[in-house]
């Protein structure tokens, strides 16, 4: 009885995998039929940069600069010590 259960589960999972593969191939073929400019714009634009109408927003964006571990430790140590020459001028908001 357990073999029938395993066979049924395998059949269902196999069906879902094949169905997902077919749907992805169909979606891929549809996207390749679009002009290259539409594909490129759609692929490179993050959805959070669009407003309700699908236009690019003009709002100011928060920019996060990644640093290495040593630089982050130096900055935190400088903040803890209260040094004014910590180089955090680029972190202050400009008005």
PDB file of N, CA and C in Angstrom:
ATOM      1  N   UNK A   1       0.821  -1.194   0.000  1.00  0.00           N
ATOM      2  CA  UNK A   1       0.000   0.000   0.000  1.00  0.00           C
ATOM      3  C   UNK A   1       0.871   1.266   0.000  1.00  0.00           C
ATOM      4  N   UNK A   2       2.000   1.190   0.688  1.00  0.00           N
ATOM      5  CA  UNK A   2       2.882   2.336   0.753  1.00  0.00           C
ATOM      6  C   UNK A   2       3.505   2.637  -0.606  1.00  0.00           C
ATOM      7  N   UNK A   3       3.745   1.593  -1.411  1.00  0.00           N
ATOM      8  CA  UNK A   3       4.312   1.809  -2.738  1.00  0.00           C
ATOM      9  C   UNK A   3       3.347   2.578  -3.636  1.00  0.00           C
ATOM     10  N   UNK A   4       2.063   2.325  -3.485  1.00  0.00           N
ATOM     11  CA  UNK A   4       1.056   3.028  -4.284  1.00  0.00           C
ATOM     12  C   UNK A   4       1.048   4.507  -3.893  1.00  0.00           C
ATOM     13  N   UNK A   5       1.192   4.788  -2.602  1.00  0.00           N
ATOM     14  CA  UNK A   5       1.226   6.171  -2.144  1.00  0.00           C
ATOM     15  C   UNK A   5       2.453   6.892  -2.699  1.00  0.00           C
ATOM     16  N   UNK A   6       3.613   6.245  -2.663  1.00  0.00           N
ATOM     17  CA  UNK A   6       4.824   6.839  -3.218  1.00  0.00           C
ATOM     18  C   UNK A   6       4.711   7.051  -4.721  1.00  0.00           C
ATOM     19  N   UNK A   7       4.150   6.094  -5.419  1.00  0.00           N
ATOM     20  CA  UNK A   7       3.978   6.204  -6.866  1.00  0.00           C
ATOM     21  C   UNK A   7       3.029   7.353  -7.207  1.00  0.00           C
ATOM     22  N   UNK A   8       1.958   7.492  -6.446  1.00  0.00           N
ATOM     23  CA  UNK A   8       1.005   8.580  -6.673  1.00  0.00           C
ATOM     24  C   UNK A   8       1.663   9.937  -6.403  1.00  0.00           C
ATOM     25  N   UNK A   9       2.409  10.040  -5.309  1.00  0.00           N
ATOM     26  CA  UNK A   9       3.093  11.294  -4.992  1.00  0.00           C
ATOM     27  C   UNK A   9       4.117  11.629  -6.072  1.00  0.00           C
ATOM     28  N   UNK A  10       4.868  10.632  -6.543  1.00  0.00           N
ATOM     29  CA  UNK A  10       5.837  10.861  -7.601  1.00  0.00           C
ATOM     30  C   UNK A  10       5.151  11.328  -8.886  1.00  0.00           C
ATOM     31  N   UNK A  11       4.023  10.726  -9.215  1.00  0.00           N
ATOM     32  CA  UNK A  11       3.288  11.112 -10.419  1.00  0.00           C
ATOM     33  C   UNK A  11       2.789  12.554 -10.320  1.00  0.00           C
ATOM     34  N   UNK A  12       2.308  12.934  -9.149  1.00  0.00           N
ATOM     35  CA  UNK A  12       1.795  14.303  -8.975  1.00  0.00           C
ATOM     36  C   UNK A  12       2.934  15.311  -9.071  1.00  0.00           C
ATOM     37  N   UNK A  13       4.044  15.027  -8.395  1.00  0.00           N
ATOM     38  CA  UNK A  13       5.188  15.951  -8.439  1.00  0.00           C
ATOM     39  C   UNK A  13       5.745  16.027  -9.855  1.00  0.00           C
ATOM     40  N   UNK A  14       5.825  14.898 -10.542  1.00  0.00           N
ATOM     41  CA  UNK A  14       6.321  14.903 -11.925  1.00  0.00           C
ATOM     42  C   UNK A  14       5.417  15.727 -12.823  1.00  0.00           C
ATOM     43  N   UNK A  15       4.119  15.584 -12.652  1.00  0.00           N
ATOM     44  CA  UNK A  15       3.169  16.361 -13.445  1.00  0.00           C
ATOM     45  C   UNK A  15       3.357  17.855 -13.191  1.00  0.00           C
ATOM     46  N   UNK A  16       3.520  18.250 -11.922  1.00  0.00           N
ATOM     47  CA  UNK A  16       3.706  19.663 -11.607  1.00  0.00           C
ATOM     48  C   UNK A  16       5.004  20.206 -12.192  1.00  0.00           C
ATOM     49  N   UNK A  17       6.063  19.406 -12.179  1.00  0.00           N
ATOM     50  CA  UNK A  17       7.344  19.840 -12.731  1.00  0.00           C
ATOM     51  C   UNK A  17       7.235  20.033 -14.237  1.00  0.00           C
ATOM     52  N   UNK A  18       6.630  19.084 -14.928  1.00  0.00           N
ATOM     53  CA  UNK A  18       6.471  19.186 -16.385  1.00  0.00           C
ATOM     54  C   UNK A  18       5.578  20.377 -16.740  1.00  0.00           C
ATOM     55  N   UNK A  19       4.517  20.582 -15.969  1.00  0.00           N
ATOM     56  CA  UNK A  19       3.610  21.705 -16.221  1.00  0.00           C
ATOM     57  C   UNK A  19       4.341  23.035 -16.027  1.00  0.00           C
ATOM     58  N   UNK A  20       5.130  23.136 -14.954  1.00  0.00           N
ATOM     59  CA  UNK A  20       5.878  24.355 -14.692  1.00  0.00           C
ATOM     60  C   UNK A  20       6.906  24.613 -15.797  1.00  0.00           C
ATOM     61  N   UNK A  21       7.563  23.569 -16.252  1.00  0.00           N
ATOM     62  CA  UNK A  21       8.522  23.703 -17.352  1.00  0.00           C
ATOM     63  C   UNK A  21       7.839  24.219 -18.608  1.00  0.00           C
ATOM     64  N   UNK A  22       6.694  23.661 -18.931  1.00  0.00           N
ATOM     65  CA  UNK A  22       5.970  24.086 -20.127  1.00  0.00           C
ATOM     66  C   UNK A  22       5.522  25.546 -20.004  1.00  0.00           C
ATOM     67  N   UNK A  23       5.030  25.937 -18.826  1.00  0.00           N
ATOM     68  CA  UNK A  23       4.576  27.322 -18.641  1.00  0.00           C
ATOM     69  C   UNK A  23       5.750  28.302 -18.750  1.00  0.00           C
ATOM     70  N   UNK A  24       6.901  27.923 -18.211  1.00  0.00           N
ATOM     71  CA  UNK A  24       8.076  28.790 -18.314  1.00  0.00           C
ATOM     72  C   UNK A  24       8.559  28.907 -19.753  1.00  0.00           C
ATOM     73  N   UNK A  25       8.507  27.820 -20.499  1.00  0.00           N
ATOM     74  CA  UNK A  25       8.903  27.882 -21.906  1.00  0.00           C
ATOM     75  C   UNK A  25       7.960  28.764 -22.711  1.00  0.00           C
ATOM     76  N   UNK A  26       6.681  28.694 -22.410  1.00  0.00           N
ATOM     77  CA  UNK A  26       5.703  29.545 -23.092  1.00  0.00           C
ATOM     78  C   UNK A  26       5.945  31.009 -22.753  1.00  0.00           C
ATOM     79  N   UNK A  27       6.186  31.307 -21.475  1.00  0.00           N
ATOM     80  CA  UNK A  27       6.447  32.688 -21.068  1.00  0.00           C
ATOM     81  C   UNK A  27       7.735  33.197 -21.693  1.00  0.00           C
ATOM     82  N   UNK A  28       8.751  32.359 -21.772  1.00  0.00           N
ATOM     83  CA  UNK A  28      10.009  32.758 -22.381  1.00  0.00           C
ATOM     84  C   UNK A  28       9.846  33.051 -23.867  1.00  0.00           C
ATOM     85  N   UNK A  29       9.082  32.222 -24.548  1.00  0.00           N
ATOM     86  CA  UNK A  29       8.883  32.450 -25.980  1.00  0.00           C
ATOM     87  C   UNK A  29       8.079  33.725 -26.225  1.00  0.00           C
ATOM     88  N   UNK A  30       7.147  34.032 -25.328  1.00  0.00           N
ATOM     89  CA  UNK A  30       6.373  35.278 -25.475  1.00  0.00           C
ATOM     90  C   UNK A  30       7.254  36.493 -25.253  1.00  0.00           C
ATOM     91  N   UNK A  31       8.158  36.414 -24.283  1.00  0.00           N
ATOM     92  CA  UNK A  31       9.015  37.566 -24.009  1.00  0.00           C
ATOM     93  C   UNK A  31      10.034  37.779 -25.130  1.00  0.00           C
ATOM     94  N   UNK A  32      10.422  36.719 -25.821  1.00  0.00           N
ATOM     95  CA  UNK A  32      11.359  36.873 -26.932  1.00  0.00           C
ATOM     96  C   UNK A  32      10.701  37.469 -28.159  1.00  0.00           C
ATOM     97  N   UNK A  33       9.370  37.412 -28.233  1.00  0.00           N
ATOM     98  CA  UNK A  33       8.665  37.999 -29.377  1.00  0.00           C
ATOM     99  C   UNK A  33       8.571  39.519 -29.250  1.00  0.00           C
ATOM    100  N   UNK A  34       8.769  40.075 -28.045  1.00  0.00           N
ATOM    101  CA  UNK A  34       8.709  41.516 -27.857  1.00  0.00           C
ATOM    102  C   UNK A  34       9.959  42.158 -28.447  1.00  0.00           C
ATOM    103  N   UNK A  35       9.858  43.432 -28.797  1.00  0.00           N
ATOM    104  CA  UNK A  35      11.049  44.125 -29.288  1.00  0.00           C
ATOM    105  C   UNK A  35      12.122  44.177 -28.198  1.00  0.00           C
ATOM    106  N   UNK A  36      13.382  44.195 -28.587  1.00  0.00           N
ATOM    107  CA  UNK A  36      14.464  44.186 -27.589  1.00  0.00           C
ATOM    108  C   UNK A  36      14.407  45.352 -26.606  1.00  0.00           C
ATOM    109  N   UNK A  37      13.971  46.532 -27.060  1.00  0.00           N
ATOM    110  CA  UNK A  37      13.930  47.686 -26.158  1.00  0.00           C
ATOM    111  C   UNK A  37      12.919  47.470 -25.040  1.00  0.00           C
ATOM    112  N   UNK A  38      11.774  46.873 -25.344  1.00  0.00           N
ATOM    113  CA  UNK A  38      10.760  46.611 -24.319  1.00  0.00           C
ATOM    114  C   UNK A  38      11.242  45.545 -23.344  1.00  0.00           C
ATOM    115  N   UNK A  39      11.928  44.527 -23.851  1.00  0.00           N
ATOM    116  CA  UNK A  39      12.458  43.474 -22.964  1.00  0.00           C
ATOM    117  C   UNK A  39      13.518  44.046 -22.044  1.00  0.00           C
ATOM    118  N   UNK A  40      14.403  44.877 -22.593  1.00  0.00           N
ATOM    119  CA  UNK A  40      15.505  45.420 -21.813  1.00  0.00           C
ATOM    120  C   UNK A  40      14.977  46.336 -20.713  1.00  0.00           C
ATOM    121  N   UNK A  41      14.047  47.204 -21.040  1.00  0.00           N
ATOM    122  CA  UNK A  41      13.501  48.128 -20.050  1.00  0.00           C
ATOM    123  C   UNK A  41      12.757  47.374 -18.967  1.00  0.00           C
ATOM    124  N   UNK A  42      12.000  46.379 -19.350  1.00  0.00           N
ATOM    125  CA  UNK A  42      11.218  45.627 -18.392  1.00  0.00           C
ATOM    126  C   UNK A  42      12.122  44.803 -17.477  1.00  0.00           C
ATOM    127  N   UNK A  43      13.212  44.285 -18.008  1.00  0.00           N
ATOM    128  CA  UNK A  43      14.083  43.419 -17.226  1.00  0.00           C
ATOM    129  C   UNK A  43      14.958  44.208 -16.266  1.00  0.00           C
ATOM    130  N   UNK A  44      15.340  45.423 -16.606  1.00  0.00           N
ATOM    131  CA  UNK A  44      16.278  46.178 -15.792  1.00  0.00           C
ATOM    132  C   UNK A  44      15.614  47.093 -14.776  1.00  0.00           C
ATOM    133  N   UNK A  45      14.324  47.261 -14.816  1.00  0.00           N
ATOM    134  CA  UNK A  45      13.630  48.206 -13.956  1.00  0.00           C
ATOM    135  C   UNK A  45      12.998  47.479 -12.777  1.00  0.00           C
ATOM    136  N   UNK A  46      13.356  47.888 -11.569  1.00  0.00           N
ATOM    137  CA  UNK A  46      12.811  47.261 -10.372  1.00  0.00           C
ATOM    138  C   UNK A  46      11.385  47.756 -10.156  1.00  0.00           C
ATOM    139  N   UNK A  47      10.461  46.900  -9.762  1.00  0.00           N
ATOM    140  CA  UNK A  47       9.051  47.303  -9.619  1.00  0.00           C
ATOM    141  C   UNK A  47       8.825  48.406  -8.591  1.00  0.00           C
ATOM    142  N   UNK A  48       9.686  48.522  -7.587  1.00  0.00           N
ATOM    143  CA  UNK A  48       9.489  49.556  -6.574  1.00  0.00           C
ATOM    144  C   UNK A  48       9.821  50.945  -7.094  1.00  0.00           C
ATOM    145  N   UNK A  49      10.444  51.039  -8.268  1.00  0.00           N
ATOM    146  CA  UNK A  49      10.745  52.339  -8.854  1.00  0.00           C
ATOM    147  C   UNK A  49       9.585  52.878  -9.680  1.00  0.00           C
ATOM    148  N   UNK A  50       8.505  52.120  -9.786  1.00  0.00           N
ATOM    149  CA  UNK A  50       7.357  52.528 -10.586  1.00  0.00           C
ATOM    150  C   UNK A  50       6.226  52.998  -9.692  1.00  0.00           C
ATOM    151  N   UNK A  51       5.441  53.983 -10.193  1.00  0.00           N
ATOM    152  CA  UNK A  51       4.271  54.417  -9.451  1.00  0.00           C
ATOM    153  C   UNK A  51       3.074  53.558  -9.830  1.00  0.00           C
ATOM    154  N   UNK A  52       1.887  53.992  -9.421  1.00  0.00           N
ATOM    155  CA  UNK A  52       0.678  53.202  -9.669  1.00  0.00           C
ATOM    156  C   UNK A  52       0.375  53.033 -11.157  1.00  0.00           C
ATOM    157  N   UNK A  53       0.785  54.019 -11.963  1.00  0.00           N
ATOM    158  CA  UNK A  53       0.502  53.977 -13.396  1.00  0.00           C
ATOM    159  C   UNK A  53       1.589  53.271 -14.201  1.00  0.00           C
ATOM    160  N   UNK A  54       2.654  52.853 -13.540  1.00  0.00           N
ATOM    161  CA  UNK A  54       3.734  52.171 -14.242  1.00  0.00           C
ATOM    162  C   UNK A  54       4.827  53.095 -14.738  1.00  0.00           C
ATOM    163  N   UNK A  55       4.779  54.362 -14.336  1.00  0.00           N
ATOM    164  CA  UNK A  55       5.800  55.327 -14.729  1.00  0.00           C
ATOM    165  C   UNK A  55       6.907  55.364 -13.668  1.00  0.00           C
ATOM    166  N   UNK A  56       8.102  55.758 -14.095  1.00  0.00           N
ATOM    167  CA  UNK A  56       9.227  55.857 -13.171  1.00  0.00           C
ATOM    168  C   UNK A  56       8.972  57.005 -12.205  1.00  0.00           C
ATOM    169  N   UNK A  57       9.210  56.779 -10.907  1.00  0.00           N
ATOM    170  CA  UNK A  57       8.954  57.806  -9.900  1.00  0.00           C
ATOM    171  C   UNK A  57      10.042  58.873  -9.920  1.00  0.00           C
ATOM    172  N   UNK A  58       9.665  60.086  -9.483  1.00  0.00           N
ATOM    173  CA  UNK A  58      10.609  61.186  -9.366  1.00  0.00           C
ATOM    174  C   UNK A  58      10.983  61.427  -7.910  1.00  0.00           C
ATOM    175  N   UNK A  59      10.648  60.505  -7.016  1.00  0.00           N
ATOM    176  CA  UNK A  59      10.924  60.670  -5.592  1.00  0.00           C
ATOM    177  C   UNK A  59      12.412  60.471  -5.314  1.00  0.00           C
ATOM    178  N   UNK A  60      12.915  61.137  -4.279  1.00  0.00           N
ATOM    179  CA  UNK A  60      14.317  60.893  -3.898  1.00  0.00           C
ATOM    180  C   UNK A  60      14.456  59.474  -3.355  1.00  0.00           C
ATOM    181  N   UNK A  61      15.566  58.849  -3.663  1.00  0.00           N
ATOM    182  CA  UNK A  61      15.772  57.460  -3.267  1.00  0.00           C
ATOM    183  C   UNK A  61      16.864  57.368  -2.212  1.00  0.00           C
ATOM    184  N   UNK A  62      16.742  56.393  -1.352  1.00  0.00           N
ATOM    185  CA  UNK A  62      17.757  56.125  -0.346  1.00  0.00           C
ATOM    186  C   UNK A  62      18.854  55.284  -0.984  1.00  0.00           C
ATOM    187  N   UNK A  63      20.085  55.735  -0.859  1.00  0.00           N
ATOM    188  CA  UNK A  63      21.219  55.022  -1.438  1.00  0.00           C
ATOM    189  C   UNK A  63      22.037  54.443  -0.296  1.00  0.00           C
ATOM    190  N   UNK A  64      22.317  53.168  -0.384  1.00  0.00           N
ATOM    191  CA  UNK A  64      23.108  52.497   0.630  1.00  0.00           C
ATOM    192  C   UNK A  64      24.414  52.061  -0.003  1.00  0.00           C
ATOM    193  N   UNK A  65      25.517  52.517   0.577  1.00  0.00           N
ATOM    194  CA  UNK A  65      26.835  52.173   0.056  1.00  0.00           C
ATOM    195  C   UNK A  65      27.388  51.038   0.893  1.00  0.00           C
ATOM    196  N   UNK A  66      27.813  49.986   0.259  1.00  0.00           N
ATOM    197  CA  UNK A  66      28.374  48.871   1.010  1.00  0.00           C
ATOM    198  C   UNK A  66      29.844  49.137   1.311  1.00  0.00           C
ATOM    199  N   UNK A  67      30.261  48.720   2.476  1.00  0.00           N
ATOM    200  CA  UNK A  67      31.645  48.895   2.889  1.00  0.00           C
ATOM    201  C   UNK A  67      32.194  47.553   3.333  1.00  0.00           C
ATOM    202  N   UNK A  68      33.497  47.504   3.465  1.00  0.00           N
ATOM    203  CA  UNK A  68      34.068  46.270   3.977  1.00  0.00           C
ATOM    204  C   UNK A  68      34.008  46.287   5.504  1.00  0.00           C
ATOM    205  N   UNK A  69      34.309  45.189   6.116  1.00  0.00           N
ATOM    206  CA  UNK A  69      34.175  45.032   7.556  1.00  0.00           C
ATOM    207  C   UNK A  69      35.109  45.957   8.323  1.00  0.00           C
ATOM    208  N   UNK A  70      36.333  46.115   7.843  1.00  0.00           N
ATOM    209  CA  UNK A  70      37.296  46.967   8.545  1.00  0.00           C
ATOM    210  C   UNK A  70      36.849  48.430   8.559  1.00  0.00           C
ATOM    211  N   UNK A  71      36.349  48.912   7.423  1.00  0.00           N
ATOM    212  CA  UNK A  71      35.891  50.302   7.367  1.00  0.00           C
ATOM    213  C   UNK A  71      34.691  50.506   8.283  1.00  0.00           C
ATOM    214  N   UNK A  72      33.796  49.542   8.333  1.00  0.00           N
ATOM    215  CA  UNK A  72      32.638  49.653   9.216  1.00  0.00           C
ATOM    216  C   UNK A  72      33.076  49.672  10.677  1.00  0.00           C
ATOM    217  N   UNK A  73      34.051  48.851  11.035  1.00  0.00           N
ATOM    218  CA  UNK A  73      34.545  48.849  12.414  1.00  0.00           C
ATOM    219  C   UNK A  73      35.217  50.171  12.760  1.00  0.00           C
ATOM    220  N   UNK A  74      35.991  50.708  11.833  1.00  0.00           N
ATOM    221  CA  UNK A  74      36.648  51.994  12.070  1.00  0.00           C
ATOM    222  C   UNK A  74      35.626  53.107  12.288  1.00  0.00           C
ATOM    223  N   UNK A  75      34.591  53.114  11.494  1.00  0.00           N
ATOM    224  CA  UNK A  75      33.556  54.142  11.636  1.00  0.00           C
ATOM    225  C   UNK A  75      32.804  53.997  12.955  1.00  0.00           C
ATOM    226  N   UNK A  76      32.495  52.757  13.335  1.00  0.00           N
ATOM    227  CA  UNK A  76      31.798  52.553  14.598  1.00  0.00           C
ATOM    228  C   UNK A  76      32.683  52.935  15.776  1.00  0.00           C
ATOM    229  N   UNK A  77      33.972  52.603  15.702  1.00  0.00           N
ATOM    230  CA  UNK A  77      34.899  52.994  16.762  1.00  0.00           C
ATOM    231  C   UNK A  77      35.004  54.513  16.849  1.00  0.00           C
ATOM    232  N   UNK A  78      35.055  55.168  15.693  1.00  0.00           N
ATOM    233  CA  UNK A  78      35.135  56.626  15.682  1.00  0.00           C
ATOM    234  C   UNK A  78      33.868  57.246  16.263  1.00  0.00           C
ATOM    235  N   UNK A  79      32.728  56.690  15.967  1.00  0.00           N
ATOM    236  CA  UNK A  79      31.478  57.191  16.542  1.00  0.00           C
ATOM    237  C   UNK A  79      31.465  56.980  18.053  1.00  0.00           C
ATOM    238  N   UNK A  80      31.970  55.842  18.493  1.00  0.00           N
ATOM    239  CA  UNK A  80      31.986  55.539  19.921  1.00  0.00           C
ATOM    240  C   UNK A  80      32.932  56.473  20.660  1.00  0.00           C
ATOM    241  N   UNK A  81      34.084  56.755  20.065  1.00  0.00           N
ATOM    242  CA  UNK A  81      35.055  57.649  20.687  1.00  0.00           C
ATOM    243  C   UNK A  81      34.622  59.110  20.575  1.00  0.00           C
ATOM    244  N   UNK A  82      33.759  59.414  19.638  1.00  0.00           N
ATOM    245  CA  UNK A  82      33.299  60.787  19.448  1.00  0.00           C
ATOM    246  C   UNK A  82      34.220  61.607  18.584  1.00  0.00           C
ATOM    247  N   UNK A  83      34.996  60.956  17.738  1.00  0.00           N
ATOM    248  CA  UNK A  83      35.903  61.683  16.842  1.00  0.00           C
ATOM    249  C   UNK A  83      35.100  62.455  15.812  1.00  0.00           C
ATOM    250  N   UNK A  84      35.546  63.678  15.553  1.00  0.00           N
ATOM    251  CA  UNK A  84      34.853  64.474  14.537  1.00  0.00           C
ATOM    252  C   UNK A  84      35.411  64.224  13.150  1.00  0.00           C
ATOM    253  N   UNK A  85      36.598  63.620  13.055  1.00  0.00           N
ATOM    254  CA  UNK A  85      37.199  63.364  11.752  1.00  0.00           C
ATOM    255  C   UNK A  85      36.983  61.922  11.310  1.00  0.00           C
ATOM    256  N   UNK A  86      35.792  61.385  11.599  1.00  0.00           N
ATOM    257  CA  UNK A  86      35.516  59.989  11.278  1.00  0.00           C
ATOM    258  C   UNK A  86      35.194  59.765   9.818  1.00  0.00           C
ATOM    259  N   UNK A  87      34.998  60.843   9.053  1.00  0.00           N
ATOM    260  CA  UNK A  87      34.703  60.679   7.635  1.00  0.00           C
ATOM    261  C   UNK A  87      33.258  60.338   7.366  1.00  0.00           C
ATOM    262  N   UNK A  88      32.382  60.701   8.284  1.00  0.00           N
ATOM    263  CA  UNK A  88      30.963  60.382   8.105  1.00  0.00           C
ATOM    264  C   UNK A  88      30.197  61.514   7.439  1.00  0.00           C
ATOM    265  N   UNK A  89      30.912  62.459   6.818  1.00  0.00           N
ATOM    266  CA  UNK A  89      30.253  63.574   6.185  1.00  0.00           C
ATOM    267  C   UNK A  89      29.343  63.127   5.055  1.00  0.00           C
ATOM    268  N   UNK A  90      29.710  62.041   4.380  1.00  0.00           N
ATOM    269  CA  UNK A  90      28.881  61.559   3.278  1.00  0.00           C
ATOM    270  C   UNK A  90      27.627  60.853   3.795  1.00  0.00           C
ATOM    271  N   UNK A  91      27.550  60.585   5.081  1.00  0.00           N
ATOM    272  CA  UNK A  91      26.371  59.928   5.645  1.00  0.00           C
ATOM    273  C   UNK A  91      25.332  60.927   6.099  1.00  0.00           C
ATOM    274  N   UNK A  92      25.718  62.209   6.246  1.00  0.00           N
ATOM    275  CA  UNK A  92      24.790  63.221   6.714  1.00  0.00           C
ATOM    276  C   UNK A  92      23.882  63.645   5.562  1.00  0.00           C
ATOM    277  N   UNK A  93      22.589  63.818   5.840  1.00  0.00           N
ATOM    278  CA  UNK A  93      21.677  64.242   4.777  1.00  0.00           C
ATOM    279  C   UNK A  93      21.952  65.682   4.374  1.00  0.00           C
ATOM    280  N   UNK A  94      21.874  65.947   3.102  1.00  0.00           N
ATOM    281  CA  UNK A  94      22.060  67.317   2.617  1.00  0.00           C
ATOM    282  C   UNK A  94      20.710  67.981   2.490  1.00  0.00           C
ATOM    283  N   UNK A  95      20.640  69.218   2.980  1.00  0.00           N
ATOM    284  CA  UNK A  95      19.363  69.936   2.978  1.00  0.00           C
ATOM    285  C   UNK A  95      19.311  70.944   1.882  1.00  0.00           C
TER     286      UNK A  95
END
